[in-house]
Amino acid sequence: MQPFTPSVRARFGWATVATVIATAAVGLVAAGDGGRTTPAHGAGVTSQGTIYAAVADAKGEPVLGLTASDFAIQVAGAARPVVSAQAASEPLAIALVVDGLGVAPLEQVRLTLRSVVDLVARSEPQARIGIENPPAALVMRTAGTAASDLAKDAQGYAPDPDAGPLAERLPGIAKTLAKEPTRRRVILALTVPYTDGGRHAPADLVAAIRGANCQVWNIEVETRADLSPAAAAARLTDLDNVLIDLAAKSGGRRDLAYGPALMDTVAQQTTRLLLSQYLLTYERDETSPSTPLRVGVRTAIHGVKVLAPGWIGNP
């Protein structure tokens, strides 16, 4: 984890909002009389908005220690003042989804799920976690309970290989997450590259993810050991395109794990990023369109990426 020291606050650059998925949501702070101001000359009414964002360095590790002065936010192309940046304290709600990984050793999948759950439970015991295990319904429970249950019966995870296309299951998963009393909602999907999907995320799927204030994060497990990273990146399947699209729009991240043995390592890094999110508060001009939203960071650290939604969602 790389701290952000004053020595690297040298230049400004818009870090790329990740184009690579399942966490967080954007919401508007309910503004009371004390939270609204009326600018002079009829410039419009302002209120405070909030957004959850993670910042990753070139190695994919969290960049910590940032302050409000390190961030910049644009809404509909107009710069908005960043009021504060603090470590996210609202509980995380995360749905873990496995799709098409029958080719990977089931024990490796179980190990990865347990590693993610244990890491979340140690950092945020009151976080909420659900593991999709078709045909059973997705059940959300505290991270501590989920970790305890997996420790007692890791063999209980045995998903149905005929559960149906992931792109068709995601709206239902998002609907379940939308019921969680938090705005930090994430879908983390472990997939293989040749699972079927669609060329792009269909409008109703994007609407479901946005309506639930979810981020979609994805770890693709590359099962061909002889495939170079460049070749793997070029060999995008239909589901890849859907997940890339959802990640880019929702503020998630997409990573590759070259072989099932590395799935656990990549998943732990992804989880560290999710747990390192910032809560950014900014002055929002209510007369501005709700989209697009862009988050940048002033940094001299090479390869930094900001993982934040590109839209303003529902509270």
C-alpha atoms as a PDB file:
ATOM      1  CA  MET A   1       0.000   0.000   0.000  1.00  0.00           C
ATOM      2  CA  GLN A   2       1.558   3.249  -1.084  1.00  0.00           C
ATOM      3  CA  PRO A   3       1.103   6.383   1.021  1.00  0.00           C
ATOM      4  CA  PHE A   4       0.667   9.664  -0.777  1.00  0.00           C
ATOM      5  CA  THR A   5       3.312  12.000   0.640  1.00  0.00           C
ATOM      6  CA  PRO A   6       3.668  15.752   0.052  1.00  0.00           C
ATOM      7  CA  SER A   7       6.695  15.113  -2.163  1.00  0.00           C
ATOM      8  CA  VAL A   8       4.526  13.530  -4.839  1.00  0.00           C
ATOM      9  CA  ARG A   9       1.833  16.205  -4.825  1.00  0.00           C
ATOM     10  CA  ALA A  10       3.727  17.932  -7.592  1.00  0.00           C
ATOM     11  CA  ARG A  11       1.565  17.917 -10.673  1.00  0.00           C
ATOM     12  CA  PHE A  12      -2.045  17.460 -11.625  1.00  0.00           C
ATOM     13  CA  GLY A  13      -3.374  14.759 -13.882  1.00  0.00           C
ATOM     14  CA  TRP A  14      -6.725  13.131 -14.451  1.00  0.00           C
ATOM     15  CA  ALA A  15      -6.263   9.518 -13.452  1.00  0.00           C
ATOM     16  CA  THR A  16      -8.235   7.139 -15.626  1.00  0.00           C
ATOM     17  CA  VAL A  17     -11.552   6.030 -14.169  1.00  0.00           C
ATOM     18  CA  ALA A  18     -10.996   2.293 -14.447  1.00  0.00           C
ATOM     19  CA  THR A  19     -11.961   0.562 -17.631  1.00  0.00           C
ATOM     20  CA  VAL A  20     -11.118  -2.747 -16.151  1.00  0.00           C
ATOM     21  CA  ILE A  21     -14.936  -5.038 -12.374  1.00  0.00           C
ATOM     22  CA  ALA A  22     -17.580  -6.191  -8.987  1.00  0.00           C
ATOM     23  CA  THR A  23     -17.789  -1.426  -5.153  1.00  0.00           C
ATOM     24  CA  ALA A  24     -19.176   1.517  -4.430  1.00  0.00           C
ATOM     25  CA  ALA A  25     -21.954   3.834  -4.989  1.00  0.00           C
ATOM     26  CA  VAL A  26     -22.513   7.476  -5.601  1.00  0.00           C
ATOM     27  CA  GLY A  27     -25.207   9.224  -3.640  1.00  0.00           C
ATOM     28  CA  LEU A  28     -26.436  12.681  -2.777  1.00  0.00           C
ATOM     29  CA  VAL A  29     -26.263  13.847   0.804  1.00  0.00           C
ATOM     30  CA  ALA A  30     -29.707  14.907   1.944  1.00  0.00           C
ATOM     31  CA  ALA A  31     -29.205  18.623   2.370  1.00  0.00           C
ATOM     32  CA  GLY A  32     -31.012  20.451   5.136  1.00  0.00           C
ATOM     33  CA  ASP A  33     -31.141  24.214   5.491  1.00  0.00           C
ATOM     34  CA  GLY A  34     -27.582  24.203   6.758  1.00  0.00           C
ATOM     35  CA  GLY A  35     -26.369  22.240   3.761  1.00  0.00           C
ATOM     36  CA  ARG A  36     -27.621  24.591   1.081  1.00  0.00           C
ATOM     37  CA  THR A  37     -26.337  27.941  -0.035  1.00  0.00           C
ATOM     38  CA  THR A  38     -27.667  30.302  -2.645  1.00  0.00           C
ATOM     39  CA  PRO A  39     -24.817  31.825  -4.643  1.00  0.00           C
ATOM     40  CA  ALA A  40     -24.910  35.466  -5.673  1.00  0.00           C
ATOM     41  CA  HIS A  41     -26.223  36.595  -9.029  1.00  0.00           C
ATOM     42  CA  GLY A  42     -28.627  33.641  -9.290  1.00  0.00           C
ATOM     43  CA  ALA A  43     -25.864  31.171  -9.980  1.00  0.00           C
ATOM     44  CA  GLY A  44     -28.028  28.318  -8.694  1.00  0.00           C
ATOM     45  CA  VAL A  45     -28.453  26.287  -5.524  1.00  0.00           C
ATOM     46  CA  THR A  46     -25.638  24.123  -4.242  1.00  0.00           C
ATOM     47  CA  SER A  47     -25.698  21.053  -2.028  1.00  0.00           C
ATOM     48  CA  GLN A  48     -23.140  18.474  -1.027  1.00  0.00           C
ATOM     49  CA  GLY A  49     -22.719  15.259  -2.944  1.00  0.00           C
ATOM     50  CA  THR A  50     -20.713  12.211  -1.971  1.00  0.00           C
ATOM     51  CA  ILE A  51     -18.871   9.550  -3.921  1.00  0.00           C
ATOM     52  CA  TYR A  52     -16.858   6.488  -2.930  1.00  0.00           C
ATOM     53  CA  ALA A  53     -13.554   6.055  -4.749  1.00  0.00           C
ATOM     54  CA  ALA A  54     -10.413   3.936  -4.468  1.00  0.00           C
ATOM     55  CA  VAL A  55      -7.005   4.917  -5.809  1.00  0.00           C
ATOM     56  CA  ALA A  56      -4.598   2.261  -7.098  1.00  0.00           C
ATOM     57  CA  ASP A  57      -0.923   2.579  -7.983  1.00  0.00           C
ATOM     58  CA  ALA A  58       0.688   0.978 -11.031  1.00  0.00           C
ATOM     59  CA  LYS A  59       0.975  -2.349  -9.189  1.00  0.00           C
ATOM     60  CA  GLY A  60      -2.702  -2.318  -8.253  1.00  0.00           C
ATOM     61  CA  GLU A  61      -2.115  -1.575  -4.566  1.00  0.00           C
ATOM     62  CA  PRO A  62      -4.072   1.106  -2.667  1.00  0.00           C
ATOM     63  CA  VAL A  63      -2.706   4.642  -2.476  1.00  0.00           C
ATOM     64  CA  LEU A  64      -3.375   5.833   1.063  1.00  0.00           C
ATOM     65  CA  GLY A  65      -3.181   9.128   2.889  1.00  0.00           C
ATOM     66  CA  LEU A  66      -4.846  11.359   0.306  1.00  0.00           C
ATOM     67  CA  THR A  67      -6.658  14.533   1.336  1.00  0.00           C
ATOM     68  CA  ALA A  68      -9.316  16.693  -0.287  1.00  0.00           C
ATOM     69  CA  SER A  69      -6.650  18.850  -1.944  1.00  0.00           C
ATOM     70  CA  ASP A  70      -5.366  15.779  -3.822  1.00  0.00           C
ATOM     71  CA  PHE A  71      -8.672  15.168  -5.607  1.00  0.00           C
ATOM     72  CA  ALA A  72     -10.578  16.994  -8.322  1.00  0.00           C
ATOM     73  CA  ILE A  73     -14.164  16.333  -9.383  1.00  0.00           C
ATOM     74  CA  GLN A  74     -16.036  17.383 -12.499  1.00  0.00           C
ATOM     75  CA  VAL A  75     -19.792  17.117 -12.952  1.00  0.00           C
ATOM     76  CA  ALA A  76     -20.974  17.521 -16.537  1.00  0.00           C
ATOM     77  CA  GLY A  77     -17.546  18.947 -17.365  1.00  0.00           C
ATOM     78  CA  ALA A  78     -17.704  21.637 -14.674  1.00  0.00           C
ATOM     79  CA  ALA A  79     -15.226  21.571 -11.782  1.00  0.00           C
ATOM     80  CA  ARG A  80     -16.797  21.172  -8.351  1.00  0.00           C
ATOM     81  CA  PRO A  81     -14.993  21.987  -5.077  1.00  0.00           C
ATOM     82  CA  VAL A  82     -13.932  18.920  -3.072  1.00  0.00           C
ATOM     83  CA  VAL A  83     -14.876  19.564   0.556  1.00  0.00           C
ATOM     84  CA  SER A  84     -13.353  16.504   2.207  1.00  0.00           C
ATOM     85  CA  ALA A  85     -11.720  13.129   1.585  1.00  0.00           C
ATOM     86  CA  GLN A  86     -11.746  10.576   4.353  1.00  0.00           C
ATOM     87  CA  ALA A  87     -11.488   6.832   4.749  1.00  0.00           C
ATOM     88  CA  ALA A  88     -14.828   5.200   4.042  1.00  0.00           C
ATOM     89  CA  SER A  89     -16.539   4.139   7.259  1.00  0.00           C
ATOM     90  CA  GLU A  90     -19.958   3.085   5.984  1.00  0.00           C
ATOM     91  CA  PRO A  91     -20.226  -0.740   5.946  1.00  0.00           C
ATOM     92  CA  LEU A  92     -19.349  -2.497   2.715  1.00  0.00           C
ATOM     93  CA  ALA A  93     -21.937  -4.781   1.104  1.00  0.00           C
ATOM     94  CA  ILE A  94     -20.401  -7.211  -1.372  1.00  0.00           C
ATOM     95  CA  ALA A  95     -21.842 -10.049  -3.450  1.00  0.00           C
ATOM     96  CA  LEU A  96     -19.317 -12.664  -4.563  1.00  0.00           C
ATOM     97  CA  VAL A  97     -20.181 -14.353  -7.838  1.00  0.00           C
ATOM     98  CA  VAL A  98     -18.455 -17.260  -9.581  1.00  0.00           C
ATOM     99  CA  ASP A  99     -19.213 -18.012 -13.222  1.00  0.00           C
ATOM    100  CA  GLY A 100     -17.832 -20.657 -15.590  1.00  0.00           C
ATOM    101  CA  LEU A 101     -15.044 -21.756 -13.273  1.00  0.00           C
ATOM    102  CA  GLY A 102     -15.838 -25.438 -13.430  1.00  0.00           C
ATOM    103  CA  VAL A 103     -12.531 -25.822 -15.278  1.00  0.00           C
ATOM    104  CA  ALA A 104     -10.674 -24.520 -12.235  1.00  0.00           C
ATOM    105  CA  PRO A 105     -10.152 -26.769  -9.213  1.00  0.00           C
ATOM    106  CA  LEU A 106     -13.157 -26.197  -6.977  1.00  0.00           C
ATOM    107  CA  GLU A 107     -10.862 -26.179  -3.959  1.00  0.00           C
ATOM    108  CA  GLN A 108      -9.021 -23.171  -5.429  1.00  0.00           C
ATOM    109  CA  VAL A 109     -12.320 -21.336  -5.874  1.00  0.00           C
ATOM    110  CA  ARG A 110     -13.276 -22.110  -2.276  1.00  0.00           C
ATOM    111  CA  LEU A 111      -9.862 -20.935  -1.048  1.00  0.00           C
ATOM    112  CA  THR A 112     -10.266 -17.650  -2.926  1.00  0.00           C
ATOM    113  CA  LEU A 113     -13.755 -17.036  -1.557  1.00  0.00           C
ATOM    114  CA  ARG A 114     -12.589 -17.785   1.972  1.00  0.00           C
ATOM    115  CA  SER A 115      -9.568 -15.453   1.594  1.00  0.00           C
ATOM    116  CA  VAL A 116     -11.778 -12.581   0.453  1.00  0.00           C
ATOM    117  CA  VAL A 117     -14.327 -13.137   3.212  1.00  0.00           C
ATOM    118  CA  ASP A 118     -11.641 -13.471   5.915  1.00  0.00           C
ATOM    119  CA  LEU A 119      -9.882 -10.294   4.785  1.00  0.00           C
ATOM    120  CA  VAL A 120     -13.127  -8.322   4.822  1.00  0.00           C
ATOM    121  CA  ALA A 121     -14.116  -9.795   8.198  1.00  0.00           C
ATOM    122  CA  ARG A 122     -10.805  -8.762   9.775  1.00  0.00           C
ATOM    123  CA  SER A 123     -11.024  -5.209   8.432  1.00  0.00           C
ATOM    124  CA  GLU A 124     -14.775  -4.578   8.536  1.00  0.00           C
ATOM    125  CA  PRO A 125     -16.544  -7.177  10.721  1.00  0.00           C
ATOM    126  CA  GLN A 126     -19.906  -5.453  10.176  1.00  0.00           C
ATOM    127  CA  ALA A 127     -19.578  -5.531   6.398  1.00  0.00           C
ATOM    128  CA  ARG A 128     -22.235  -7.587   4.658  1.00  0.00           C
ATOM    129  CA  ILE A 129     -21.314 -10.444   2.330  1.00  0.00           C
ATOM    130  CA  GLY A 130     -23.324 -12.743   0.110  1.00  0.00           C
ATOM    131  CA  ILE A 131     -21.941 -15.633  -1.932  1.00  0.00           C
ATOM    132  CA  GLU A 132     -24.059 -16.575  -4.921  1.00  0.00           C
ATOM    133  CA  ASN A 133     -24.473 -20.344  -4.757  1.00  0.00           C
ATOM    134  CA  PRO A 134     -27.116 -21.329  -7.330  1.00  0.00           C
ATOM    135  CA  PRO A 135     -29.742 -22.636  -7.169  1.00  0.00           C
ATOM    136  CA  ALA A 136     -29.971 -21.277  -3.598  1.00  0.00           C
ATOM    137  CA  ALA A 137     -31.024 -17.655  -3.175  1.00  0.00           C
ATOM    138  CA  LEU A 138     -28.360 -15.029  -2.488  1.00  0.00           C
ATOM    139  CA  VAL A 139     -28.308 -14.411   1.276  1.00  0.00           C
ATOM    140  CA  MET A 140     -26.475 -11.422   2.783  1.00  0.00           C
ATOM    141  CA  ARG A 141     -24.936 -11.760   6.257  1.00  0.00           C
ATOM    142  CA  THR A 142     -22.229 -10.051   8.270  1.00  0.00           C
ATOM    143  CA  ALA A 143     -18.649 -10.709   7.239  1.00  0.00           C
ATOM    144  CA  GLY A 144     -17.938 -12.257  10.615  1.00  0.00           C
ATOM    145  CA  THR A 145     -20.817 -14.717  10.222  1.00  0.00           C
ATOM    146  CA  ALA A 146     -19.846 -15.521   6.627  1.00  0.00           C
ATOM    147  CA  ALA A 147     -16.242 -16.197   7.660  1.00  0.00           C
ATOM    148  CA  SER A 148     -17.378 -18.434  10.520  1.00  0.00           C
ATOM    149  CA  ASP A 149     -19.729 -20.381   8.259  1.00  0.00           C
ATOM    150  CA  LEU A 150     -17.025 -20.926   5.628  1.00  0.00           C
ATOM    151  CA  ALA A 151     -14.572 -22.034   8.287  1.00  0.00           C
ATOM    152  CA  LYS A 152     -17.067 -24.642   9.474  1.00  0.00           C
ATOM    153  CA  ASP A 153     -18.142 -25.861   6.034  1.00  0.00           C
ATOM    154  CA  ALA A 154     -16.065 -24.663   3.106  1.00  0.00           C
ATOM    155  CA  GLN A 155     -17.312 -27.692   1.183  1.00  0.00           C
ATOM    156  CA  GLY A 156     -20.809 -26.246   1.233  1.00  0.00           C
ATOM    157  CA  TYR A 157     -20.000 -24.042  -1.738  1.00  0.00           C
ATOM    158  CA  ALA A 158     -20.860 -26.032  -4.884  1.00  0.00           C
ATOM    159  CA  PRO A 159     -22.515 -23.819  -7.513  1.00  0.00           C
ATOM    160  CA  ASP A 160     -24.762 -25.116 -10.228  1.00  0.00           C
ATOM    161  CA  PRO A 161     -22.886 -25.077 -13.582  1.00  0.00           C
ATOM    162  CA  ASP A 162     -26.249 -24.591 -15.329  1.00  0.00           C
ATOM    163  CA  ALA A 163     -27.221 -21.477 -13.388  1.00  0.00           C
ATOM    164  CA  GLY A 164     -27.651 -19.472 -16.584  1.00  0.00           C
ATOM    165  CA  PRO A 165     -25.638 -16.627 -18.178  1.00  0.00           C
ATOM    166  CA  LEU A 166     -24.063 -14.236 -15.708  1.00  0.00           C
ATOM    167  CA  ALA A 167     -25.348 -11.214 -17.627  1.00  0.00           C
ATOM    168  CA  GLU A 168     -28.889 -12.454 -16.936  1.00  0.00           C
ATOM    169  CA  ARG A 169     -28.200 -13.090 -13.234  1.00  0.00           C
ATOM    170  CA  LEU A 170     -26.602  -9.729 -12.460  1.00  0.00           C
ATOM    171  CA  PRO A 171     -29.854  -7.678 -12.293  1.00  0.00           C
ATOM    172  CA  GLY A 172     -31.217  -9.995  -9.590  1.00  0.00           C
ATOM    173  CA  ILE A 173     -27.957  -9.786  -7.656  1.00  0.00           C
ATOM    174  CA  ALA A 174     -28.047  -5.992  -7.913  1.00  0.00           C
ATOM    175  CA  LYS A 175     -31.653  -5.996  -6.692  1.00  0.00           C
ATOM    176  CA  THR A 176     -30.620  -7.954  -3.589  1.00  0.00           C
ATOM    177  CA  LEU A 177     -27.737  -5.545  -2.899  1.00  0.00           C
ATOM    178  CA  ALA A 178     -30.062  -2.557  -3.298  1.00  0.00           C
ATOM    179  CA  LYS A 179     -31.862  -3.669  -0.131  1.00  0.00           C
ATOM    180  CA  GLU A 180     -28.704  -3.310   1.954  1.00  0.00           C
ATOM    181  CA  PRO A 181     -28.711  -0.222   4.236  1.00  0.00           C
ATOM    182  CA  THR A 182     -25.443   1.167   2.849  1.00  0.00           C
ATOM    183  CA  ARG A 183     -24.262   2.981  -0.247  1.00  0.00           C
ATOM    184  CA  ARG A 184     -21.037   0.950  -0.546  1.00  0.00           C
ATOM    185  CA  ARG A 185     -22.358  -1.887  -2.693  1.00  0.00           C
ATOM    186  CA  VAL A 186     -20.160  -4.131  -4.820  1.00  0.00           C
ATOM    187  CA  ILE A 187     -20.443  -7.160  -7.063  1.00  0.00           C
ATOM    188  CA  LEU A 188     -17.158  -9.067  -7.354  1.00  0.00           C
ATOM    189  CA  ALA A 189     -17.313 -11.634 -10.145  1.00  0.00           C
ATOM    190  CA  LEU A 190     -14.781 -14.416 -10.748  1.00  0.00           C
ATOM    191  CA  THR A 191     -15.088 -15.558 -14.358  1.00  0.00           C
ATOM    192  CA  VAL A 192     -13.340 -17.420 -17.170  1.00  0.00           C
ATOM    193  CA  PRO A 193     -12.790 -15.769 -20.574  1.00  0.00           C
ATOM    194  CA  TYR A 194     -15.039 -17.878 -22.761  1.00  0.00           C
ATOM    195  CA  THR A 195     -18.314 -17.563 -20.864  1.00  0.00           C
ATOM    196  CA  ASP A 196     -21.096 -16.265 -23.094  1.00  0.00           C
ATOM    197  CA  GLY A 197     -22.670 -12.861 -22.605  1.00  0.00           C
ATOM    198  CA  GLY A 198     -23.437  -9.936 -24.902  1.00  0.00           C
ATOM    199  CA  ARG A 199     -21.315  -7.585 -26.957  1.00  0.00           C
ATOM    200  CA  HIS A 200     -22.043  -4.680 -24.637  1.00  0.00           C
ATOM    201  CA  ALA A 201     -23.859  -4.321 -21.355  1.00  0.00           C
ATOM    202  CA  PRO A 202     -27.548  -4.003 -22.305  1.00  0.00           C
ATOM    203  CA  ALA A 203     -29.350  -0.873 -21.193  1.00  0.00           C
ATOM    204  CA  ASP A 204     -31.535  -2.700 -18.675  1.00  0.00           C
ATOM    205  CA  LEU A 205     -28.460  -4.268 -17.045  1.00  0.00           C
ATOM    206  CA  VAL A 206     -26.697  -0.897 -16.793  1.00  0.00           C
ATOM    207  CA  ALA A 207     -29.909   0.579 -15.335  1.00  0.00           C
ATOM    208  CA  ALA A 208     -30.093  -2.220 -12.744  1.00  0.00           C
ATOM    209  CA  ILE A 209     -26.492  -1.665 -11.641  1.00  0.00           C
ATOM    210  CA  ARG A 210     -26.914   2.099 -11.535  1.00  0.00           C
ATOM    211  CA  GLY A 211     -30.273   1.917  -9.764  1.00  0.00           C
ATOM    212  CA  ALA A 212     -28.756  -0.264  -7.044  1.00  0.00           C
ATOM    213  CA  ASN A 213     -25.712   2.034  -6.692  1.00  0.00           C
ATOM    214  CA  CYS A 214     -23.417  -0.945  -7.309  1.00  0.00           C
ATOM    215  CA  GLN A 215     -19.882  -1.144  -8.515  1.00  0.00           C
ATOM    216  CA  VAL A 216     -18.964  -4.193 -10.578  1.00  0.00           C
ATOM    217  CA  TRP A 217     -15.472  -5.638 -10.136  1.00  0.00           C
ATOM    218  CA  ASN A 218     -14.216  -8.611 -12.108  1.00  0.00           C
ATOM    219  CA  ILE A 219     -11.338 -11.077 -11.926  1.00  0.00           C
ATOM    220  CA  GLU A 220     -10.968 -13.117 -15.086  1.00  0.00           C
ATOM    221  CA  VAL A 221      -9.126 -16.385 -14.583  1.00  0.00           C
ATOM    222  CA  GLU A 222      -7.038 -17.191 -17.663  1.00  0.00           C
ATOM    223  CA  THR A 223      -6.800 -20.963 -17.914  1.00  0.00           C
ATOM    224  CA  ARG A 224      -4.314 -21.148 -20.779  1.00  0.00           C
ATOM    225  CA  ALA A 225      -0.875 -20.938 -19.231  1.00  0.00           C
ATOM    226  CA  ASP A 226       0.792 -20.364 -22.612  1.00  0.00           C
ATOM    227  CA  LEU A 227      -1.252 -17.236 -23.359  1.00  0.00           C
ATOM    228  CA  SER A 228       0.703 -14.004 -23.035  1.00  0.00           C
ATOM    229  CA  PRO A 229      -0.883 -11.014 -21.239  1.00  0.00           C
ATOM    230  CA  ALA A 230      -1.117  -9.136 -24.540  1.00  0.00           C
ATOM    231  CA  ALA A 231      -2.855 -12.038 -26.259  1.00  0.00           C
ATOM    232  CA  ALA A 232      -5.231 -12.522 -23.337  1.00  0.00           C
ATOM    233  CA  ALA A 233      -6.160  -8.843 -23.356  1.00  0.00           C
ATOM    234  CA  ALA A 234      -6.852  -8.983 -27.093  1.00  0.00           C
ATOM    235  CA  ARG A 235      -8.982 -12.141 -26.859  1.00  0.00           C
ATOM    236  CA  LEU A 236     -12.101 -10.523 -25.442  1.00  0.00           C
ATOM    237  CA  THR A 237     -15.270 -12.579 -25.318  1.00  0.00           C
ATOM    238  CA  ASP A 238     -18.832 -11.304 -25.168  1.00  0.00           C
ATOM    239  CA  LEU A 239     -18.942 -11.475 -21.382  1.00  0.00           C
ATOM    240  CA  ASP A 240     -15.584  -9.699 -21.189  1.00  0.00           C
ATOM    241  CA  ASN A 241     -17.075  -6.773 -23.086  1.00  0.00           C
ATOM    242  CA  VAL A 242     -20.106  -6.656 -20.793  1.00  0.00           C
ATOM    243  CA  LEU A 243     -17.955  -6.687 -17.645  1.00  0.00           C
ATOM    244  CA  ILE A 244     -15.487  -4.130 -19.010  1.00  0.00           C
ATOM    245  CA  ASP A 245     -18.404  -1.857 -19.867  1.00  0.00           C
ATOM    246  CA  LEU A 246     -20.002  -2.246 -16.437  1.00  0.00           C
ATOM    247  CA  ALA A 247     -16.701  -1.721 -14.629  1.00  0.00           C
ATOM    248  CA  ALA A 248     -15.955   1.452 -16.572  1.00  0.00           C
ATOM    249  CA  LYS A 249     -19.388   2.920 -15.882  1.00  0.00           C
ATOM    250  CA  SER A 250     -19.801   1.822 -12.266  1.00  0.00           C
ATOM    251  CA  GLY A 251     -16.276   2.529 -11.042  1.00  0.00           C
ATOM    252  CA  GLY A 252     -15.065  -1.036 -10.597  1.00  0.00           C
ATOM    253  CA  ARG A 253     -11.865  -2.706 -11.708  1.00  0.00           C
ATOM    254  CA  ARG A 254     -11.134  -5.639 -13.993  1.00  0.00           C
ATOM    255  CA  ASP A 255      -8.050  -7.794 -13.506  1.00  0.00           C
ATOM    256  CA  LEU A 256      -6.602 -10.962 -15.008  1.00  0.00           C
ATOM    257  CA  ALA A 257      -5.374 -13.940 -12.984  1.00  0.00           C
ATOM    258  CA  TYR A 258      -3.074 -16.099 -15.078  1.00  0.00           C
ATOM    259  CA  GLY A 259      -4.169 -19.505 -13.877  1.00  0.00           C
ATOM    260  CA  PRO A 260      -6.349 -20.657 -10.968  1.00  0.00           C
ATOM    261  CA  ALA A 261      -3.321 -20.697  -8.642  1.00  0.00           C
ATOM    262  CA  LEU A 262      -3.054 -16.890  -8.903  1.00  0.00           C
ATOM    263  CA  MET A 263      -6.766 -16.272  -8.431  1.00  0.00           C
ATOM    264  CA  ASP A 264      -6.405 -15.990  -4.660  1.00  0.00           C
ATOM    265  CA  THR A 265      -3.492 -13.512  -4.931  1.00  0.00           C
ATOM    266  CA  VAL A 266      -5.367 -11.229  -7.321  1.00  0.00           C
ATOM    267  CA  ALA A 267      -8.565 -11.480  -5.294  1.00  0.00           C
ATOM    268  CA  GLN A 268      -6.760 -10.397  -2.112  1.00  0.00           C
ATOM    269  CA  GLN A 269      -5.326  -7.347  -3.876  1.00  0.00           C
ATOM    270  CA  THR A 270      -8.764  -6.462  -5.220  1.00  0.00           C
ATOM    271  CA  THR A 271     -10.217  -6.783  -1.732  1.00  0.00           C
ATOM    272  CA  ARG A 272      -7.543  -4.479  -0.305  1.00  0.00           C
ATOM    273  CA  LEU A 273      -8.568  -1.847  -2.833  1.00  0.00           C
ATOM    274  CA  LEU A 274     -12.230  -2.198  -1.899  1.00  0.00           C
ATOM    275  CA  LEU A 275     -11.366  -1.788   1.765  1.00  0.00           C
ATOM    276  CA  SER A 276      -9.248   1.316   1.074  1.00  0.00           C
ATOM    277  CA  GLN A 277     -12.010   3.435  -0.439  1.00  0.00           C
ATOM    278  CA  TYR A 278     -12.298   7.134   0.241  1.00  0.00           C
ATOM    279  CA  LEU A 279     -15.522   8.978   0.887  1.00  0.00           C
ATOM    280  CA  LEU A 280     -15.303  12.198  -1.132  1.00  0.00           C
ATOM    281  CA  THR A 281     -17.641  15.072  -0.365  1.00  0.00           C
ATOM    282  CA  TYR A 282     -18.009  17.845  -2.920  1.00  0.00           C
ATOM    283  CA  GLU A 283     -20.120  20.906  -3.627  1.00  0.00           C
ATOM    284  CA  ARG A 284     -22.684  19.960  -6.233  1.00  0.00           C
ATOM    285  CA  ASP A 285     -24.486  22.452  -8.453  1.00  0.00           C
ATOM    286  CA  GLU A 286     -28.070  21.176  -8.631  1.00  0.00           C
ATOM    287  CA  THR A 287     -28.577  22.847 -12.001  1.00  0.00           C
ATOM    288  CA  SER A 288     -25.921  20.608 -13.582  1.00  0.00           C
ATOM    289  CA  PRO A 289     -26.872  17.402 -15.408  1.00  0.00           C
ATOM    290  CA  SER A 290     -26.388  14.313 -13.269  1.00  0.00           C
ATOM    291  CA  THR A 291     -23.913  12.766 -15.704  1.00  0.00           C
ATOM    292  CA  PRO A 292     -21.105  12.454 -16.494  1.00  0.00           C
ATOM    293  CA  LEU A 293     -19.088  12.597 -13.301  1.00  0.00           C
ATOM    294  CA  ARG A 294     -15.296  12.409 -13.330  1.00  0.00           C
ATOM    295  CA  VAL A 295     -12.821  12.079 -10.478  1.00  0.00           C
ATOM    296  CA  GLY A 296      -9.176  13.028 -10.854  1.00  0.00           C
ATOM    297  CA  VAL A 297      -6.180  13.008  -8.554  1.00  0.00           C
ATOM    298  CA  ARG A 298      -3.125  15.264  -8.380  1.00  0.00           C
ATOM    299  CA  THR A 299      -0.222  12.860  -8.396  1.00  0.00           C
ATOM    300  CA  ALA A 300       3.280  12.260  -9.652  1.00  0.00           C
ATOM    301  CA  ILE A 301       2.980   8.531  -8.957  1.00  0.00           C
ATOM    302  CA  HIS A 302       3.250   6.647 -12.236  1.00  0.00           C
ATOM    303  CA  GLY A 303       0.263   4.649 -13.436  1.00  0.00           C
ATOM    304  CA  VAL A 304      -2.241   5.761 -10.808  1.00  0.00           C
ATOM    305  CA  LYS A 305      -5.893   4.909 -11.468  1.00  0.00           C
ATOM    306  CA  VAL A 306      -8.960   6.321  -9.762  1.00  0.00           C
ATOM    307  CA  LEU A 307     -11.746   3.764  -9.328  1.00  0.00           C
ATOM    308  CA  ALA A 308     -14.923   5.817  -9.090  1.00  0.00           C
ATOM    309  CA  PRO A 309     -18.333   5.723 -10.766  1.00  0.00           C
ATOM    310  CA  GLY A 310     -18.883   7.853 -13.832  1.00  0.00           C
ATOM    311  CA  TRP A 311     -22.416   8.740 -12.840  1.00  0.00           C
ATOM    312  CA  ILE A 312     -24.408  10.193  -9.978  1.00  0.00           C
ATOM    313  CA  GLY A 313     -26.628   7.473  -8.606  1.00  0.00           C
ATOM    314  CA  ASN A 314     -29.532   7.310  -6.214  1.00  0.00           C
ATOM    315  CA  PRO A 315     -28.926   7.823  -2.493  1.00  0.00           C
END
